[in-house]
Amino acid sequence: MAVDDEMQVLSEWCEQLAKALQIPDLDVDQELLLDVARKAADQVIHAAAPVTAYMVGYVAGHKAGGGNAEGSREATARAADIAFRLCEDRANSKDGGGAGHTGVM
């Protein structure tokens, strides 16, 4: 399946799942979540991908709890950035560099 086809299937799946979960207006940054999940799988272990995506989404959901969609998007971006940095730090520490970074939201 071509990448464009996969993204179409993913978009349709997200829309269907959002409706079933009764959150039809949810705006999912699929590219960002896929990137952070891919990075976690590559730099940590494969099982880190869904857990990392869940945690990034949890932060976004927590921020959106006040009805602030913009805050949710910003929180998602910040949480993803922290996850990216932690993955990079982990990769560097495996190579003998980097002491590890703890991000603060």
C-alpha atoms as a PDB file:
ATOM      1  CA  MET A   1       0.000   0.000   0.000  1.00  0.00           C
ATOM      2  CA  ALA A   2       1.333   3.430  -0.926  1.00  0.00           C
ATOM      3  CA  VAL A   3       2.065   5.940   1.835  1.00  0.00           C
ATOM      4  CA  ASP A   4      -0.750   8.239   0.668  1.00  0.00           C
ATOM      5  CA  ASP A   5      -3.164   5.303   0.776  1.00  0.00           C
ATOM      6  CA  GLU A   6      -1.989   4.384   4.270  1.00  0.00           C
ATOM      7  CA  MET A   7      -2.532   7.942   5.486  1.00  0.00           C
ATOM      8  CA  GLN A   8      -6.032   7.931   3.987  1.00  0.00           C
ATOM      9  CA  VAL A   9      -6.845   4.661   5.764  1.00  0.00           C
ATOM     10  CA  LEU A  10      -5.414   6.075   8.998  1.00  0.00           C
ATOM     11  CA  SER A  11      -7.480   9.258   8.654  1.00  0.00           C
ATOM     12  CA  GLU A  12     -10.635   7.236   8.076  1.00  0.00           C
ATOM     13  CA  TRP A  13      -9.803   4.997  11.047  1.00  0.00           C
ATOM     14  CA  CYS A  14      -9.203   7.998  13.324  1.00  0.00           C
ATOM     15  CA  GLU A  15     -12.497   9.543  12.252  1.00  0.00           C
ATOM     16  CA  GLN A  16     -14.372   6.276  12.823  1.00  0.00           C
ATOM     17  CA  LEU A  17     -12.724   5.712  16.208  1.00  0.00           C
ATOM     18  CA  ALA A  18     -13.321   9.301  17.314  1.00  0.00           C
ATOM     19  CA  LYS A  19     -17.028   8.958  16.524  1.00  0.00           C
ATOM     20  CA  ALA A  20     -17.235   5.625  18.357  1.00  0.00           C
ATOM     21  CA  LEU A  21     -15.487   7.167  21.376  1.00  0.00           C
ATOM     22  CA  GLN A  22     -17.896  10.118  21.182  1.00  0.00           C
ATOM     23  CA  ILE A  23     -15.172  12.659  20.449  1.00  0.00           C
ATOM     24  CA  PRO A  24     -16.041  13.452  16.808  1.00  0.00           C
ATOM     25  CA  ASP A  25     -14.399  16.894  16.860  1.00  0.00           C
ATOM     26  CA  LEU A  26     -11.002  15.543  17.905  1.00  0.00           C
ATOM     27  CA  ASP A  27      -8.192  16.980  15.797  1.00  0.00           C
ATOM     28  CA  VAL A  28      -5.378  14.409  15.653  1.00  0.00           C
ATOM     29  CA  ASP A  29      -1.929  15.421  14.441  1.00  0.00           C
ATOM     30  CA  GLN A  30      -1.319  12.023  12.884  1.00  0.00           C
ATOM     31  CA  GLU A  31       2.099  12.877  11.451  1.00  0.00           C
ATOM     32  CA  LEU A  32       3.418  14.078  14.807  1.00  0.00           C
ATOM     33  CA  LEU A  33       2.095  11.062  16.699  1.00  0.00           C
ATOM     34  CA  LEU A  34       3.473   8.679  14.086  1.00  0.00           C
ATOM     35  CA  ASP A  35       6.855  10.397  14.229  1.00  0.00           C
ATOM     36  CA  VAL A  36       7.071  10.297  18.018  1.00  0.00           C
ATOM     37  CA  ALA A  37       5.926   6.656  18.089  1.00  0.00           C
ATOM     38  CA  ARG A  38       8.445   5.713  15.387  1.00  0.00           C
ATOM     39  CA  LYS A  39      11.247   7.467  17.268  1.00  0.00           C
ATOM     40  CA  ALA A  40      10.348   5.734  20.531  1.00  0.00           C
ATOM     41  CA  ALA A  41      10.244   2.351  18.806  1.00  0.00           C
ATOM     42  CA  ASP A  42      13.626   2.957  17.172  1.00  0.00           C
ATOM     43  CA  GLN A  43      15.439   4.439  20.161  1.00  0.00           C
ATOM     44  CA  VAL A  44      13.873   2.583  23.095  1.00  0.00           C
ATOM     45  CA  ILE A  45      12.003  -0.625  22.250  1.00  0.00           C
ATOM     46  CA  HIS A  46       9.157  -1.380  19.877  1.00  0.00           C
ATOM     47  CA  ALA A  47       6.633  -1.473  22.730  1.00  0.00           C
ATOM     48  CA  ALA A  48       7.540   2.114  23.662  1.00  0.00           C
ATOM     49  CA  ALA A  49       5.733   3.394  20.551  1.00  0.00           C
ATOM     50  CA  PRO A  50       2.110   3.046  21.684  1.00  0.00           C
ATOM     51  CA  VAL A  51       2.929   3.942  25.280  1.00  0.00           C
ATOM     52  CA  THR A  52       4.713   7.124  24.196  1.00  0.00           C
ATOM     53  CA  ALA A  53       1.872   8.111  21.868  1.00  0.00           C
ATOM     54  CA  TYR A  54      -0.622   7.483  24.667  1.00  0.00           C
ATOM     55  CA  MET A  55       1.329   9.637  27.111  1.00  0.00           C
ATOM     56  CA  VAL A  56       1.656  12.491  24.610  1.00  0.00           C
ATOM     57  CA  GLY A  57      -2.080  12.219  23.951  1.00  0.00           C
ATOM     58  CA  TYR A  58      -2.831  12.128  27.654  1.00  0.00           C
ATOM     59  CA  VAL A  59      -1.077  15.459  28.142  1.00  0.00           C
ATOM     60  CA  ALA A  60      -3.026  16.937  25.231  1.00  0.00           C
ATOM     61  CA  GLY A  61      -6.280  15.598  26.636  1.00  0.00           C
ATOM     62  CA  HIS A  62      -5.512  16.971  30.058  1.00  0.00           C
ATOM     63  CA  LYS A  63      -4.911  20.423  28.587  1.00  0.00           C
ATOM     64  CA  ALA A  64      -8.062  20.155  26.475  1.00  0.00           C
ATOM     65  CA  GLY A  65     -10.097  19.327  29.570  1.00  0.00           C
ATOM     66  CA  GLY A  66     -10.623  23.032  30.036  1.00  0.00           C
ATOM     67  CA  GLY A  67     -11.987  23.329  26.511  1.00  0.00           C
ATOM     68  CA  ASN A  68      -8.790  24.900  25.218  1.00  0.00           C
ATOM     69  CA  ALA A  69      -8.039  23.291  21.849  1.00  0.00           C
ATOM     70  CA  GLU A  70      -5.073  25.593  21.248  1.00  0.00           C
ATOM     71  CA  GLY A  71      -3.623  24.630  24.616  1.00  0.00           C
ATOM     72  CA  SER A  72      -4.089  20.997  23.684  1.00  0.00           C
ATOM     73  CA  ARG A  73      -2.164  21.419  20.419  1.00  0.00           C
ATOM     74  CA  GLU A  74       0.621  23.275  22.212  1.00  0.00           C
ATOM     75  CA  ALA A  75       0.747  20.621  24.933  1.00  0.00           C
ATOM     76  CA  THR A  76       0.928  17.886  22.305  1.00  0.00           C
ATOM     77  CA  ALA A  77       3.814  19.637  20.572  1.00  0.00           C
ATOM     78  CA  ARG A  78       5.683  20.196  23.862  1.00  0.00           C
ATOM     79  CA  ALA A  79       5.131  16.622  25.028  1.00  0.00           C
ATOM     80  CA  ALA A  80       6.250  15.252  21.664  1.00  0.00           C
ATOM     81  CA  ASP A  81       9.341  17.472  21.748  1.00  0.00           C
ATOM     82  CA  ILE A  82      10.234  16.135  25.191  1.00  0.00           C
ATOM     83  CA  ALA A  83       9.735  12.565  23.984  1.00  0.00           C
ATOM     84  CA  PHE A  84      11.911  13.238  20.914  1.00  0.00           C
ATOM     85  CA  ARG A  85      14.678  14.669  23.111  1.00  0.00           C
ATOM     86  CA  LEU A  86      14.524  11.750  25.532  1.00  0.00           C
ATOM     87  CA  CYS A  87      14.775   9.318  22.613  1.00  0.00           C
ATOM     88  CA  GLU A  88      17.786  11.195  21.237  1.00  0.00           C
ATOM     89  CA  ASP A  89      19.413  11.291  24.674  1.00  0.00           C
ATOM     90  CA  ARG A  90      18.845   7.570  25.032  1.00  0.00           C
ATOM     91  CA  ALA A  91      20.424   6.920  21.639  1.00  0.00           C
ATOM     92  CA  ASN A  92      23.384   9.142  22.537  1.00  0.00           C
ATOM     93  CA  SER A  93      23.876   7.440  25.896  1.00  0.00           C
ATOM     94  CA  LYS A  94      23.963   4.058  24.162  1.00  0.00           C
ATOM     95  CA  ASP A  95      26.756   5.467  21.990  1.00  0.00           C
ATOM     96  CA  GLY A  96      28.632   6.781  25.005  1.00  0.00           C
ATOM     97  CA  GLY A  97      27.361  10.351  24.806  1.00  0.00           C
ATOM     98  CA  GLY A  98      24.537  12.229  26.472  1.00  0.00           C
ATOM     99  CA  ALA A  99      23.657  12.007  30.124  1.00  0.00           C
ATOM    100  CA  GLY A 100      19.909  11.969  29.676  1.00  0.00           C
ATOM    101  CA  HIS A 101      17.409  14.792  29.653  1.00  0.00           C
ATOM    102  CA  THR A 102      14.306  15.171  31.692  1.00  0.00           C
ATOM    103  CA  GLY A 103      11.757  17.429  30.117  1.00  0.00           C
ATOM    104  CA  VAL A 104       9.468  19.655  32.081  1.00  0.00           C
ATOM    105  CA  MET A 105       5.988  20.514  30.867  1.00  0.00           C
END
